[in-house]
PDBML (XML) file of the C-alpha atoms, coordinates in Angstrom:
<?xml version="1.0" encoding="UTF-8" ?>
<PDBx:datablock datablockName="MODEL"
   xmlns:PDBx="http://pdbml.pdb.org/schema/pdbx-v50.xsd"
   xmlns:xsi="http://www.w3.org/2001/XMLSchema-instance"
   xsi:schemaLocation="http://pdbml.pdb.org/schema/pdbx-v50.xsd pdbx-v50.xsd">
   <PDBx:atom_siteCategory>
      <PDBx:atom_site id="1">
         <PDBx:B_iso_or_equiv>0.00</PDBx:B_iso_or_equiv>
         <PDBx:Cartn_x>228.044</PDBx:Cartn_x>
         <PDBx:Cartn_y>153.466</PDBx:Cartn_y>
         <PDBx:Cartn_z>110.614</PDBx:Cartn_z>
         <PDBx:auth_asym_id>A</PDBx:auth_asym_id>
         <PDBx:auth_atom_id>CA</PDBx:auth_atom_id>
         <PDBx:auth_comp_id>UNK</PDBx:auth_comp_id>
         <PDBx:auth_seq_id>1</PDBx:auth_seq_id>
         <PDBx:group_PDB>ATOM</PDBx:group_PDB>
         <PDBx:label_alt_id xsi:nil="true" />
         <PDBx:label_asym_id>A</PDBx:label_asym_id>
         <PDBx:label_atom_id>CA</PDBx:label_atom_id>
         <PDBx:label_comp_id>UNK</PDBx:label_comp_id>
         <PDBx:label_entity_id>1</PDBx:label_entity_id>
         <PDBx:label_seq_id>1</PDBx:label_seq_id>
         <PDBx:occupancy>1.00</PDBx:occupancy>
         <PDBx:pdbx_PDB_model_num>1</PDBx:pdbx_PDB_model_num>
         <PDBx:type_symbol>C</PDBx:type_symbol>
      </PDBx:atom_site>
      <PDBx:atom_site id="2">
         <PDBx:B_iso_or_equiv>0.00</PDBx:B_iso_or_equiv>
         <PDBx:Cartn_x>224.399</PDBx:Cartn_x>
         <PDBx:Cartn_y>154.509</PDBx:Cartn_y>
         <PDBx:Cartn_z>110.967</PDBx:Cartn_z>
         <PDBx:auth_asym_id>A</PDBx:auth_asym_id>
         <PDBx:auth_atom_id>CA</PDBx:auth_atom_id>
         <PDBx:auth_comp_id>UNK</PDBx:auth_comp_id>
         <PDBx:auth_seq_id>2</PDBx:auth_seq_id>
         <PDBx:group_PDB>ATOM</PDBx:group_PDB>
         <PDBx:label_alt_id xsi:nil="true" />
         <PDBx:label_asym_id>A</PDBx:label_asym_id>
         <PDBx:label_atom_id>CA</PDBx:label_atom_id>
         <PDBx:label_comp_id>UNK</PDBx:label_comp_id>
         <PDBx:label_entity_id>1</PDBx:label_entity_id>
         <PDBx:label_seq_id>2</PDBx:label_seq_id>
         <PDBx:occupancy>1.00</PDBx:occupancy>
         <PDBx:pdbx_PDB_model_num>1</PDBx:pdbx_PDB_model_num>
         <PDBx:type_symbol>C</PDBx:type_symbol>
      </PDBx:atom_site>
      <PDBx:atom_site id="3">
         <PDBx:B_iso_or_equiv>0.00</PDBx:B_iso_or_equiv>
         <PDBx:Cartn_x>224.720</PDBx:Cartn_x>
         <PDBx:Cartn_y>158.245</PDBx:Cartn_y>
         <PDBx:Cartn_z>112.002</PDBx:Cartn_z>
         <PDBx:auth_asym_id>A</PDBx:auth_asym_id>
         <PDBx:auth_atom_id>CA</PDBx:auth_atom_id>
         <PDBx:auth_comp_id>UNK</PDBx:auth_comp_id>
         <PDBx:auth_seq_id>3</PDBx:auth_seq_id>
         <PDBx:group_PDB>ATOM</PDBx:group_PDB>
         <PDBx:label_alt_id xsi:nil="true" />
         <PDBx:label_asym_id>A</PDBx:label_asym_id>
         <PDBx:label_atom_id>CA</PDBx:label_atom_id>
         <PDBx:label_comp_id>UNK</PDBx:label_comp_id>
         <PDBx:label_entity_id>1</PDBx:label_entity_id>
         <PDBx:label_seq_id>3</PDBx:label_seq_id>
         <PDBx:occupancy>1.00</PDBx:occupancy>
         <PDBx:pdbx_PDB_model_num>1</PDBx:pdbx_PDB_model_num>
         <PDBx:type_symbol>C</PDBx:type_symbol>
      </PDBx:atom_site>
      <PDBx:atom_site id="4">
         <PDBx:B_iso_or_equiv>0.00</PDBx:B_iso_or_equiv>
         <PDBx:Cartn_x>226.382</PDBx:Cartn_x>
         <PDBx:Cartn_y>161.275</PDBx:Cartn_y>
         <PDBx:Cartn_z>110.708</PDBx:Cartn_z>
         <PDBx:auth_asym_id>A</PDBx:auth_asym_id>
         <PDBx:auth_atom_id>CA</PDBx:auth_atom_id>
         <PDBx:auth_comp_id>UNK</PDBx:auth_comp_id>
         <PDBx:auth_seq_id>4</PDBx:auth_seq_id>
         <PDBx:group_PDB>ATOM</PDBx:group_PDB>
         <PDBx:label_alt_id xsi:nil="true" />
         <PDBx:label_asym_id>A</PDBx:label_asym_id>
         <PDBx:label_atom_id>CA</PDBx:label_atom_id>
         <PDBx:label_comp_id>UNK</PDBx:label_comp_id>
         <PDBx:label_entity_id>1</PDBx:label_entity_id>
         <PDBx:label_seq_id>4</PDBx:label_seq_id>
         <PDBx:occupancy>1.00</PDBx:occupancy>
         <PDBx:pdbx_PDB_model_num>1</PDBx:pdbx_PDB_model_num>
         <PDBx:type_symbol>C</PDBx:type_symbol>
      </PDBx:atom_site>
      <PDBx:atom_site id="5">
         <PDBx:B_iso_or_equiv>0.00</PDBx:B_iso_or_equiv>
         <PDBx:Cartn_x>227.460</PDBx:Cartn_x>
         <PDBx:Cartn_y>164.110</PDBx:Cartn_y>
         <PDBx:Cartn_z>113.233</PDBx:Cartn_z>
         <PDBx:auth_asym_id>A</PDBx:auth_asym_id>
         <PDBx:auth_atom_id>CA</PDBx:auth_atom_id>
         <PDBx:auth_comp_id>UNK</PDBx:auth_comp_id>
         <PDBx:auth_seq_id>5</PDBx:auth_seq_id>
         <PDBx:group_PDB>ATOM</PDBx:group_PDB>
         <PDBx:label_alt_id xsi:nil="true" />
         <PDBx:label_asym_id>A</PDBx:label_asym_id>
         <PDBx:label_atom_id>CA</PDBx:label_atom_id>
         <PDBx:label_comp_id>UNK</PDBx:label_comp_id>
         <PDBx:label_entity_id>1</PDBx:label_entity_id>
         <PDBx:label_seq_id>5</PDBx:label_seq_id>
         <PDBx:occupancy>1.00</PDBx:occupancy>
         <PDBx:pdbx_PDB_model_num>1</PDBx:pdbx_PDB_model_num>
         <PDBx:type_symbol>C</PDBx:type_symbol>
      </PDBx:atom_site>
      <PDBx:atom_site id="6">
         <PDBx:B_iso_or_equiv>0.00</PDBx:B_iso_or_equiv>
         <PDBx:Cartn_x>228.524</PDBx:Cartn_x>
         <PDBx:Cartn_y>167.397</PDBx:Cartn_y>
         <PDBx:Cartn_z>111.909</PDBx:Cartn_z>
         <PDBx:auth_asym_id>A</PDBx:auth_asym_id>
         <PDBx:auth_atom_id>CA</PDBx:auth_atom_id>
         <PDBx:auth_comp_id>UNK</PDBx:auth_comp_id>
         <PDBx:auth_seq_id>6</PDBx:auth_seq_id>
         <PDBx:group_PDB>ATOM</PDBx:group_PDB>
         <PDBx:label_alt_id xsi:nil="true" />
         <PDBx:label_asym_id>A</PDBx:label_asym_id>
         <PDBx:label_atom_id>CA</PDBx:label_atom_id>
         <PDBx:label_comp_id>UNK</PDBx:label_comp_id>
         <PDBx:label_entity_id>1</PDBx:label_entity_id>
         <PDBx:label_seq_id>6</PDBx:label_seq_id>
         <PDBx:occupancy>1.00</PDBx:occupancy>
         <PDBx:pdbx_PDB_model_num>1</PDBx:pdbx_PDB_model_num>
         <PDBx:type_symbol>C</PDBx:type_symbol>
      </PDBx:atom_site>
      <PDBx:atom_site id="7">
         <PDBx:B_iso_or_equiv>0.00</PDBx:B_iso_or_equiv>
         <PDBx:Cartn_x>230.606</PDBx:Cartn_x>
         <PDBx:Cartn_y>169.381</PDBx:Cartn_y>
         <PDBx:Cartn_z>114.232</PDBx:Cartn_z>
         <PDBx:auth_asym_id>A</PDBx:auth_asym_id>
         <PDBx:auth_atom_id>CA</PDBx:auth_atom_id>
         <PDBx:auth_comp_id>UNK</PDBx:auth_comp_id>
         <PDBx:auth_seq_id>7</PDBx:auth_seq_id>
         <PDBx:group_PDB>ATOM</PDBx:group_PDB>
         <PDBx:label_alt_id xsi:nil="true" />
         <PDBx:label_asym_id>A</PDBx:label_asym_id>
         <PDBx:label_atom_id>CA</PDBx:label_atom_id>
         <PDBx:label_comp_id>UNK</PDBx:label_comp_id>
         <PDBx:label_entity_id>1</PDBx:label_entity_id>
         <PDBx:label_seq_id>7</PDBx:label_seq_id>
         <PDBx:occupancy>1.00</PDBx:occupancy>
         <PDBx:pdbx_PDB_model_num>1</PDBx:pdbx_PDB_model_num>
         <PDBx:type_symbol>C</PDBx:type_symbol>
      </PDBx:atom_site>
      <PDBx:atom_site id="8">
         <PDBx:B_iso_or_equiv>0.00</PDBx:B_iso_or_equiv>
         <PDBx:Cartn_x>230.957</PDBx:Cartn_x>
         <PDBx:Cartn_y>173.150</PDBx:Cartn_y>
         <PDBx:Cartn_z>114.351</PDBx:Cartn_z>
         <PDBx:auth_asym_id>A</PDBx:auth_asym_id>
         <PDBx:auth_atom_id>CA</PDBx:auth_atom_id>
         <PDBx:auth_comp_id>UNK</PDBx:auth_comp_id>
         <PDBx:auth_seq_id>8</PDBx:auth_seq_id>
         <PDBx:group_PDB>ATOM</PDBx:group_PDB>
         <PDBx:label_alt_id xsi:nil="true" />
         <PDBx:label_asym_id>A</PDBx:label_asym_id>
         <PDBx:label_atom_id>CA</PDBx:label_atom_id>
         <PDBx:label_comp_id>UNK</PDBx:label_comp_id>
         <PDBx:label_entity_id>1</PDBx:label_entity_id>
         <PDBx:label_seq_id>8</PDBx:label_seq_id>
         <PDBx:occupancy>1.00</PDBx:occupancy>
         <PDBx:pdbx_PDB_model_num>1</PDBx:pdbx_PDB_model_num>
         <PDBx:type_symbol>C</PDBx:type_symbol>
      </PDBx:atom_site>
      <PDBx:atom_site id="9">
         <PDBx:B_iso_or_equiv>0.00</PDBx:B_iso_or_equiv>
         <PDBx:Cartn_x>233.985</PDBx:Cartn_x>
         <PDBx:Cartn_y>174.973</PDBx:Cartn_y>
         <PDBx:Cartn_z>113.189</PDBx:Cartn_z>
         <PDBx:auth_asym_id>A</PDBx:auth_asym_id>
         <PDBx:auth_atom_id>CA</PDBx:auth_atom_id>
         <PDBx:auth_comp_id>UNK</PDBx:auth_comp_id>
         <PDBx:auth_seq_id>9</PDBx:auth_seq_id>
         <PDBx:group_PDB>ATOM</PDBx:group_PDB>
         <PDBx:label_alt_id xsi:nil="true" />
         <PDBx:label_asym_id>A</PDBx:label_asym_id>
         <PDBx:label_atom_id>CA</PDBx:label_atom_id>
         <PDBx:label_comp_id>UNK</PDBx:label_comp_id>
         <PDBx:label_entity_id>1</PDBx:label_entity_id>
         <PDBx:label_seq_id>9</PDBx:label_seq_id>
         <PDBx:occupancy>1.00</PDBx:occupancy>
         <PDBx:pdbx_PDB_model_num>1</PDBx:pdbx_PDB_model_num>
         <PDBx:type_symbol>C</PDBx:type_symbol>
      </PDBx:atom_site>
      <PDBx:atom_site id="10">
         <PDBx:B_iso_or_equiv>0.00</PDBx:B_iso_or_equiv>
         <PDBx:Cartn_x>235.446</PDBx:Cartn_x>
         <PDBx:Cartn_y>175.372</PDBx:Cartn_y>
         <PDBx:Cartn_z>116.959</PDBx:Cartn_z>
         <PDBx:auth_asym_id>A</PDBx:auth_asym_id>
         <PDBx:auth_atom_id>CA</PDBx:auth_atom_id>
         <PDBx:auth_comp_id>UNK</PDBx:auth_comp_id>
         <PDBx:auth_seq_id>10</PDBx:auth_seq_id>
         <PDBx:group_PDB>ATOM</PDBx:group_PDB>
         <PDBx:label_alt_id xsi:nil="true" />
         <PDBx:label_asym_id>A</PDBx:label_asym_id>
         <PDBx:label_atom_id>CA</PDBx:label_atom_id>
         <PDBx:label_comp_id>UNK</PDBx:label_comp_id>
         <PDBx:label_entity_id>1</PDBx:label_entity_id>
         <PDBx:label_seq_id>10</PDBx:label_seq_id>
         <PDBx:occupancy>1.00</PDBx:occupancy>
         <PDBx:pdbx_PDB_model_num>1</PDBx:pdbx_PDB_model_num>
         <PDBx:type_symbol>C</PDBx:type_symbol>
      </PDBx:atom_site>
      <PDBx:atom_site id="11">
         <PDBx:B_iso_or_equiv>0.00</PDBx:B_iso_or_equiv>
         <PDBx:Cartn_x>234.424</PDBx:Cartn_x>
         <PDBx:Cartn_y>171.722</PDBx:Cartn_y>
         <PDBx:Cartn_z>117.845</PDBx:Cartn_z>
         <PDBx:auth_asym_id>A</PDBx:auth_asym_id>
         <PDBx:auth_atom_id>CA</PDBx:auth_atom_id>
         <PDBx:auth_comp_id>UNK</PDBx:auth_comp_id>
         <PDBx:auth_seq_id>11</PDBx:auth_seq_id>
         <PDBx:group_PDB>ATOM</PDBx:group_PDB>
         <PDBx:label_alt_id xsi:nil="true" />
         <PDBx:label_asym_id>A</PDBx:label_asym_id>
         <PDBx:label_atom_id>CA</PDBx:label_atom_id>
         <PDBx:label_comp_id>UNK</PDBx:label_comp_id>
         <PDBx:label_entity_id>1</PDBx:label_entity_id>
         <PDBx:label_seq_id>11</PDBx:label_seq_id>
         <PDBx:occupancy>1.00</PDBx:occupancy>
         <PDBx:pdbx_PDB_model_num>1</PDBx:pdbx_PDB_model_num>
         <PDBx:type_symbol>C</PDBx:type_symbol>
      </PDBx:atom_site>
      <PDBx:atom_site id="12">
         <PDBx:B_iso_or_equiv>0.00</PDBx:B_iso_or_equiv>
         <PDBx:Cartn_x>236.307</PDBx:Cartn_x>
         <PDBx:Cartn_y>170.782</PDBx:Cartn_y>
         <PDBx:Cartn_z>114.726</PDBx:Cartn_z>
         <PDBx:auth_asym_id>A</PDBx:auth_asym_id>
         <PDBx:auth_atom_id>CA</PDBx:auth_atom_id>
         <PDBx:auth_comp_id>UNK</PDBx:auth_comp_id>
         <PDBx:auth_seq_id>12</PDBx:auth_seq_id>
         <PDBx:group_PDB>ATOM</PDBx:group_PDB>
         <PDBx:label_alt_id xsi:nil="true" />
         <PDBx:label_asym_id>A</PDBx:label_asym_id>
         <PDBx:label_atom_id>CA</PDBx:label_atom_id>
         <PDBx:label_comp_id>UNK</PDBx:label_comp_id>
         <PDBx:label_entity_id>1</PDBx:label_entity_id>
         <PDBx:label_seq_id>12</PDBx:label_seq_id>
         <PDBx:occupancy>1.00</PDBx:occupancy>
         <PDBx:pdbx_PDB_model_num>1</PDBx:pdbx_PDB_model_num>
         <PDBx:type_symbol>C</PDBx:type_symbol>
      </PDBx:atom_site>
      <PDBx:atom_site id="13">
         <PDBx:B_iso_or_equiv>0.00</PDBx:B_iso_or_equiv>
         <PDBx:Cartn_x>239.323</PDBx:Cartn_x>
         <PDBx:Cartn_y>172.403</PDBx:Cartn_y>
         <PDBx:Cartn_z>116.229</PDBx:Cartn_z>
         <PDBx:auth_asym_id>A</PDBx:auth_asym_id>
         <PDBx:auth_atom_id>CA</PDBx:auth_atom_id>
         <PDBx:auth_comp_id>UNK</PDBx:auth_comp_id>
         <PDBx:auth_seq_id>13</PDBx:auth_seq_id>
         <PDBx:group_PDB>ATOM</PDBx:group_PDB>
         <PDBx:label_alt_id xsi:nil="true" />
         <PDBx:label_asym_id>A</PDBx:label_asym_id>
         <PDBx:label_atom_id>CA</PDBx:label_atom_id>
         <PDBx:label_comp_id>UNK</PDBx:label_comp_id>
         <PDBx:label_entity_id>1</PDBx:label_entity_id>
         <PDBx:label_seq_id>13</PDBx:label_seq_id>
         <PDBx:occupancy>1.00</PDBx:occupancy>
         <PDBx:pdbx_PDB_model_num>1</PDBx:pdbx_PDB_model_num>
         <PDBx:type_symbol>C</PDBx:type_symbol>
      </PDBx:atom_site>
      <PDBx:atom_site id="14">
         <PDBx:B_iso_or_equiv>0.00</PDBx:B_iso_or_equiv>
         <PDBx:Cartn_x>239.036</PDBx:Cartn_x>
         <PDBx:Cartn_y>170.306</PDBx:Cartn_y>
         <PDBx:Cartn_z>119.316</PDBx:Cartn_z>
         <PDBx:auth_asym_id>A</PDBx:auth_asym_id>
         <PDBx:auth_atom_id>CA</PDBx:auth_atom_id>
         <PDBx:auth_comp_id>UNK</PDBx:auth_comp_id>
         <PDBx:auth_seq_id>14</PDBx:auth_seq_id>
         <PDBx:group_PDB>ATOM</PDBx:group_PDB>
         <PDBx:label_alt_id xsi:nil="true" />
         <PDBx:label_asym_id>A</PDBx:label_asym_id>
         <PDBx:label_atom_id>CA</PDBx:label_atom_id>
         <PDBx:label_comp_id>UNK</PDBx:label_comp_id>
         <PDBx:label_entity_id>1</PDBx:label_entity_id>
         <PDBx:label_seq_id>14</PDBx:label_seq_id>
         <PDBx:occupancy>1.00</PDBx:occupancy>
         <PDBx:pdbx_PDB_model_num>1</PDBx:pdbx_PDB_model_num>
         <PDBx:type_symbol>C</PDBx:type_symbol>
      </PDBx:atom_site>
      <PDBx:atom_site id="15">
         <PDBx:B_iso_or_equiv>0.00</PDBx:B_iso_or_equiv>
         <PDBx:Cartn_x>238.286</PDBx:Cartn_x>
         <PDBx:Cartn_y>167.397</PDBx:Cartn_y>
         <PDBx:Cartn_z>117.344</PDBx:Cartn_z>
         <PDBx:auth_asym_id>A</PDBx:auth_asym_id>
         <PDBx:auth_atom_id>CA</PDBx:auth_atom_id>
         <PDBx:auth_comp_id>UNK</PDBx:auth_comp_id>
         <PDBx:auth_seq_id>15</PDBx:auth_seq_id>
         <PDBx:group_PDB>ATOM</PDBx:group_PDB>
         <PDBx:label_alt_id xsi:nil="true" />
         <PDBx:label_asym_id>A</PDBx:label_asym_id>
         <PDBx:label_atom_id>CA</PDBx:label_atom_id>
         <PDBx:label_comp_id>UNK</PDBx:label_comp_id>
         <PDBx:label_entity_id>1</PDBx:label_entity_id>
         <PDBx:label_seq_id>15</PDBx:label_seq_id>
         <PDBx:occupancy>1.00</PDBx:occupancy>
         <PDBx:pdbx_PDB_model_num>1</PDBx:pdbx_PDB_model_num>
         <PDBx:type_symbol>C</PDBx:type_symbol>
      </PDBx:atom_site>
      <PDBx:atom_site id="16">
         <PDBx:B_iso_or_equiv>0.00</PDBx:B_iso_or_equiv>
         <PDBx:Cartn_x>241.510</PDBx:Cartn_x>
         <PDBx:Cartn_y>167.866</PDBx:Cartn_y>
         <PDBx:Cartn_z>115.552</PDBx:Cartn_z>
         <PDBx:auth_asym_id>A</PDBx:auth_asym_id>
         <PDBx:auth_atom_id>CA</PDBx:auth_atom_id>
         <PDBx:auth_comp_id>UNK</PDBx:auth_comp_id>
         <PDBx:auth_seq_id>16</PDBx:auth_seq_id>
         <PDBx:group_PDB>ATOM</PDBx:group_PDB>
         <PDBx:label_alt_id xsi:nil="true" />
         <PDBx:label_asym_id>A</PDBx:label_asym_id>
         <PDBx:label_atom_id>CA</PDBx:label_atom_id>
         <PDBx:label_comp_id>UNK</PDBx:label_comp_id>
         <PDBx:label_entity_id>1</PDBx:label_entity_id>
         <PDBx:label_seq_id>16</PDBx:label_seq_id>
         <PDBx:occupancy>1.00</PDBx:occupancy>
         <PDBx:pdbx_PDB_model_num>1</PDBx:pdbx_PDB_model_num>
         <PDBx:type_symbol>C</PDBx:type_symbol>
      </PDBx:atom_site>
      <PDBx:atom_site id="17">
         <PDBx:B_iso_or_equiv>0.00</PDBx:B_iso_or_equiv>
         <PDBx:Cartn_x>243.546</PDBx:Cartn_x>
         <PDBx:Cartn_y>168.208</PDBx:Cartn_y>
         <PDBx:Cartn_z>118.586</PDBx:Cartn_z>
         <PDBx:auth_asym_id>A</PDBx:auth_asym_id>
         <PDBx:auth_atom_id>CA</PDBx:auth_atom_id>
         <PDBx:auth_comp_id>UNK</PDBx:auth_comp_id>
         <PDBx:auth_seq_id>17</PDBx:auth_seq_id>
         <PDBx:group_PDB>ATOM</PDBx:group_PDB>
         <PDBx:label_alt_id xsi:nil="true" />
         <PDBx:label_asym_id>A</PDBx:label_asym_id>
         <PDBx:label_atom_id>CA</PDBx:label_atom_id>
         <PDBx:label_comp_id>UNK</PDBx:label_comp_id>
         <PDBx:label_entity_id>1</PDBx:label_entity_id>
         <PDBx:label_seq_id>17</PDBx:label_seq_id>
         <PDBx:occupancy>1.00</PDBx:occupancy>
         <PDBx:pdbx_PDB_model_num>1</PDBx:pdbx_PDB_model_num>
         <PDBx:type_symbol>C</PDBx:type_symbol>
      </PDBx:atom_site>
      <PDBx:atom_site id="18">
         <PDBx:B_iso_or_equiv>0.00</PDBx:B_iso_or_equiv>
         <PDBx:Cartn_x>242.448</PDBx:Cartn_x>
         <PDBx:Cartn_y>164.709</PDBx:Cartn_y>
         <PDBx:Cartn_z>119.698</PDBx:Cartn_z>
         <PDBx:auth_asym_id>A</PDBx:auth_asym_id>
         <PDBx:auth_atom_id>CA</PDBx:auth_atom_id>
         <PDBx:auth_comp_id>UNK</PDBx:auth_comp_id>
         <PDBx:auth_seq_id>18</PDBx:auth_seq_id>
         <PDBx:group_PDB>ATOM</PDBx:group_PDB>
         <PDBx:label_alt_id xsi:nil="true" />
         <PDBx:label_asym_id>A</PDBx:label_asym_id>
         <PDBx:label_atom_id>CA</PDBx:label_atom_id>
         <PDBx:label_comp_id>UNK</PDBx:label_comp_id>
         <PDBx:label_entity_id>1</PDBx:label_entity_id>
         <PDBx:label_seq_id>18</PDBx:label_seq_id>
         <PDBx:occupancy>1.00</PDBx:occupancy>
         <PDBx:pdbx_PDB_model_num>1</PDBx:pdbx_PDB_model_num>
         <PDBx:type_symbol>C</PDBx:type_symbol>
      </PDBx:atom_site>
      <PDBx:atom_site id="19">
         <PDBx:B_iso_or_equiv>0.00</PDBx:B_iso_or_equiv>
         <PDBx:Cartn_x>245.552</PDBx:Cartn_x>
         <PDBx:Cartn_y>163.089</PDBx:Cartn_y>
         <PDBx:Cartn_z>118.385</PDBx:Cartn_z>
         <PDBx:auth_asym_id>A</PDBx:auth_asym_id>
         <PDBx:auth_atom_id>CA</PDBx:auth_atom_id>
         <PDBx:auth_comp_id>UNK</PDBx:auth_comp_id>
         <PDBx:auth_seq_id>19</PDBx:auth_seq_id>
         <PDBx:group_PDB>ATOM</PDBx:group_PDB>
         <PDBx:label_alt_id xsi:nil="true" />
         <PDBx:label_asym_id>A</PDBx:label_asym_id>
         <PDBx:label_atom_id>CA</PDBx:label_atom_id>
         <PDBx:label_comp_id>UNK</PDBx:label_comp_id>
         <PDBx:label_entity_id>1</PDBx:label_entity_id>
         <PDBx:label_seq_id>19</PDBx:label_seq_id>
         <PDBx:occupancy>1.00</PDBx:occupancy>
         <PDBx:pdbx_PDB_model_num>1</PDBx:pdbx_PDB_model_num>
         <PDBx:type_symbol>C</PDBx:type_symbol>
      </PDBx:atom_site>
      <PDBx:atom_site id="20">
         <PDBx:B_iso_or_equiv>0.00</PDBx:B_iso_or_equiv>
         <PDBx:Cartn_x>246.893</PDBx:Cartn_x>
         <PDBx:Cartn_y>161.529</PDBx:Cartn_y>
         <PDBx:Cartn_z>121.442</PDBx:Cartn_z>
         <PDBx:auth_asym_id>A</PDBx:auth_asym_id>
         <PDBx:auth_atom_id>CA</PDBx:auth_atom_id>
         <PDBx:auth_comp_id>UNK</PDBx:auth_comp_id>
         <PDBx:auth_seq_id>20</PDBx:auth_seq_id>
         <PDBx:group_PDB>ATOM</PDBx:group_PDB>
         <PDBx:label_alt_id xsi:nil="true" />
         <PDBx:label_asym_id>A</PDBx:label_asym_id>
         <PDBx:label_atom_id>CA</PDBx:label_atom_id>
         <PDBx:label_comp_id>UNK</PDBx:label_comp_id>
         <PDBx:label_entity_id>1</PDBx:label_entity_id>
         <PDBx:label_seq_id>20</PDBx:label_seq_id>
         <PDBx:occupancy>1.00</PDBx:occupancy>
         <PDBx:pdbx_PDB_model_num>1</PDBx:pdbx_PDB_model_num>
         <PDBx:type_symbol>C</PDBx:type_symbol>
      </PDBx:atom_site>
      <PDBx:atom_site id="21">
         <PDBx:B_iso_or_equiv>0.00</PDBx:B_iso_or_equiv>
         <PDBx:Cartn_x>249.660</PDBx:Cartn_x>
         <PDBx:Cartn_y>164.187</PDBx:Cartn_y>
         <PDBx:Cartn_z>122.131</PDBx:Cartn_z>
         <PDBx:auth_asym_id>A</PDBx:auth_asym_id>
         <PDBx:auth_atom_id>CA</PDBx:auth_atom_id>
         <PDBx:auth_comp_id>UNK</PDBx:auth_comp_id>
         <PDBx:auth_seq_id>21</PDBx:auth_seq_id>
         <PDBx:group_PDB>ATOM</PDBx:group_PDB>
         <PDBx:label_alt_id xsi:nil="true" />
         <PDBx:label_asym_id>A</PDBx:label_asym_id>
         <PDBx:label_atom_id>CA</PDBx:label_atom_id>
         <PDBx:label_comp_id>UNK</PDBx:label_comp_id>
         <PDBx:label_entity_id>1</PDBx:label_entity_id>
         <PDBx:label_seq_id>21</PDBx:label_seq_id>
         <PDBx:occupancy>1.00</PDBx:occupancy>
         <PDBx:pdbx_PDB_model_num>1</PDBx:pdbx_PDB_model_num>
         <PDBx:type_symbol>C</PDBx:type_symbol>
      </PDBx:atom_site>
      <PDBx:atom_site id="22">
         <PDBx:B_iso_or_equiv>0.00</PDBx:B_iso_or_equiv>
         <PDBx:Cartn_x>247.402</PDBx:Cartn_x>
         <PDBx:Cartn_y>166.693</PDBx:Cartn_y>
         <PDBx:Cartn_z>124.062</PDBx:Cartn_z>
         <PDBx:auth_asym_id>A</PDBx:auth_asym_id>
         <PDBx:auth_atom_id>CA</PDBx:auth_atom_id>
         <PDBx:auth_comp_id>UNK</PDBx:auth_comp_id>
         <PDBx:auth_seq_id>22</PDBx:auth_seq_id>
         <PDBx:group_PDB>ATOM</PDBx:group_PDB>
         <PDBx:label_alt_id xsi:nil="true" />
         <PDBx:label_asym_id>A</PDBx:label_asym_id>
         <PDBx:label_atom_id>CA</PDBx:label_atom_id>
         <PDBx:label_comp_id>UNK</PDBx:label_comp_id>
         <PDBx:label_entity_id>1</PDBx:label_entity_id>
         <PDBx:label_seq_id>22</PDBx:label_seq_id>
         <PDBx:occupancy>1.00</PDBx:occupancy>
         <PDBx:pdbx_PDB_model_num>1</PDBx:pdbx_PDB_model_num>
         <PDBx:type_symbol>C</PDBx:type_symbol>
      </PDBx:atom_site>
      <PDBx:atom_site id="23">
         <PDBx:B_iso_or_equiv>0.00</PDBx:B_iso_or_equiv>
         <PDBx:Cartn_x>245.516</PDBx:Cartn_x>
         <PDBx:Cartn_y>166.526</PDBx:Cartn_y>
         <PDBx:Cartn_z>127.319</PDBx:Cartn_z>
         <PDBx:auth_asym_id>A</PDBx:auth_asym_id>
         <PDBx:auth_atom_id>CA</PDBx:auth_atom_id>
         <PDBx:auth_comp_id>UNK</PDBx:auth_comp_id>
         <PDBx:auth_seq_id>23</PDBx:auth_seq_id>
         <PDBx:group_PDB>ATOM</PDBx:group_PDB>
         <PDBx:label_alt_id xsi:nil="true" />
         <PDBx:label_asym_id>A</PDBx:label_asym_id>
         <PDBx:label_atom_id>CA</PDBx:label_atom_id>
         <PDBx:label_comp_id>UNK</PDBx:label_comp_id>
         <PDBx:label_entity_id>1</PDBx:label_entity_id>
         <PDBx:label_seq_id>23</PDBx:label_seq_id>
         <PDBx:occupancy>1.00</PDBx:occupancy>
         <PDBx:pdbx_PDB_model_num>1</PDBx:pdbx_PDB_model_num>
         <PDBx:type_symbol>C</PDBx:type_symbol>
      </PDBx:atom_site>
      <PDBx:atom_site id="24">
         <PDBx:B_iso_or_equiv>0.00</PDBx:B_iso_or_equiv>
         <PDBx:Cartn_x>242.184</PDBx:Cartn_x>
         <PDBx:Cartn_y>168.657</PDBx:Cartn_y>
         <PDBx:Cartn_z>128.164</PDBx:Cartn_z>
         <PDBx:auth_asym_id>A</PDBx:auth_asym_id>
         <PDBx:auth_atom_id>CA</PDBx:auth_atom_id>
         <PDBx:auth_comp_id>UNK</PDBx:auth_comp_id>
         <PDBx:auth_seq_id>24</PDBx:auth_seq_id>
         <PDBx:group_PDB>ATOM</PDBx:group_PDB>
         <PDBx:label_alt_id xsi:nil="true" />
         <PDBx:label_asym_id>A</PDBx:label_asym_id>
         <PDBx:label_atom_id>CA</PDBx:label_atom_id>
         <PDBx:label_comp_id>UNK</PDBx:label_comp_id>
         <PDBx:label_entity_id>1</PDBx:label_entity_id>
         <PDBx:label_seq_id>24</PDBx:label_seq_id>
         <PDBx:occupancy>1.00</PDBx:occupancy>
         <PDBx:pdbx_PDB_model_num>1</PDBx:pdbx_PDB_model_num>
         <PDBx:type_symbol>C</PDBx:type_symbol>
      </PDBx:atom_site>
      <PDBx:atom_site id="25">
         <PDBx:B_iso_or_equiv>0.00</PDBx:B_iso_or_equiv>
         <PDBx:Cartn_x>244.304</PDBx:Cartn_x>
         <PDBx:Cartn_y>171.521</PDBx:Cartn_y>
         <PDBx:Cartn_z>129.414</PDBx:Cartn_z>
         <PDBx:auth_asym_id>A</PDBx:auth_asym_id>
         <PDBx:auth_atom_id>CA</PDBx:auth_atom_id>
         <PDBx:auth_comp_id>UNK</PDBx:auth_comp_id>
         <PDBx:auth_seq_id>25</PDBx:auth_seq_id>
         <PDBx:group_PDB>ATOM</PDBx:group_PDB>
         <PDBx:label_alt_id xsi:nil="true" />
         <PDBx:label_asym_id>A</PDBx:label_asym_id>
         <PDBx:label_atom_id>CA</PDBx:label_atom_id>
         <PDBx:label_comp_id>UNK</PDBx:label_comp_id>
         <PDBx:label_entity_id>1</PDBx:label_entity_id>
         <PDBx:label_seq_id>25</PDBx:label_seq_id>
         <PDBx:occupancy>1.00</PDBx:occupancy>
         <PDBx:pdbx_PDB_model_num>1</PDBx:pdbx_PDB_model_num>
         <PDBx:type_symbol>C</PDBx:type_symbol>
      </PDBx:atom_site>
   </PDBx:atom_siteCategory>
</PDBx:datablock>
C-alpha cells in the first residue's frame, strides 16, 4: 500500500487477462 503503479494501455490488456483462466500463450 505504499506505491502506485500505472500501466500502459497494452499492459492493462494483459493485466485484465490475468483472471485465472488464461495461460501465457
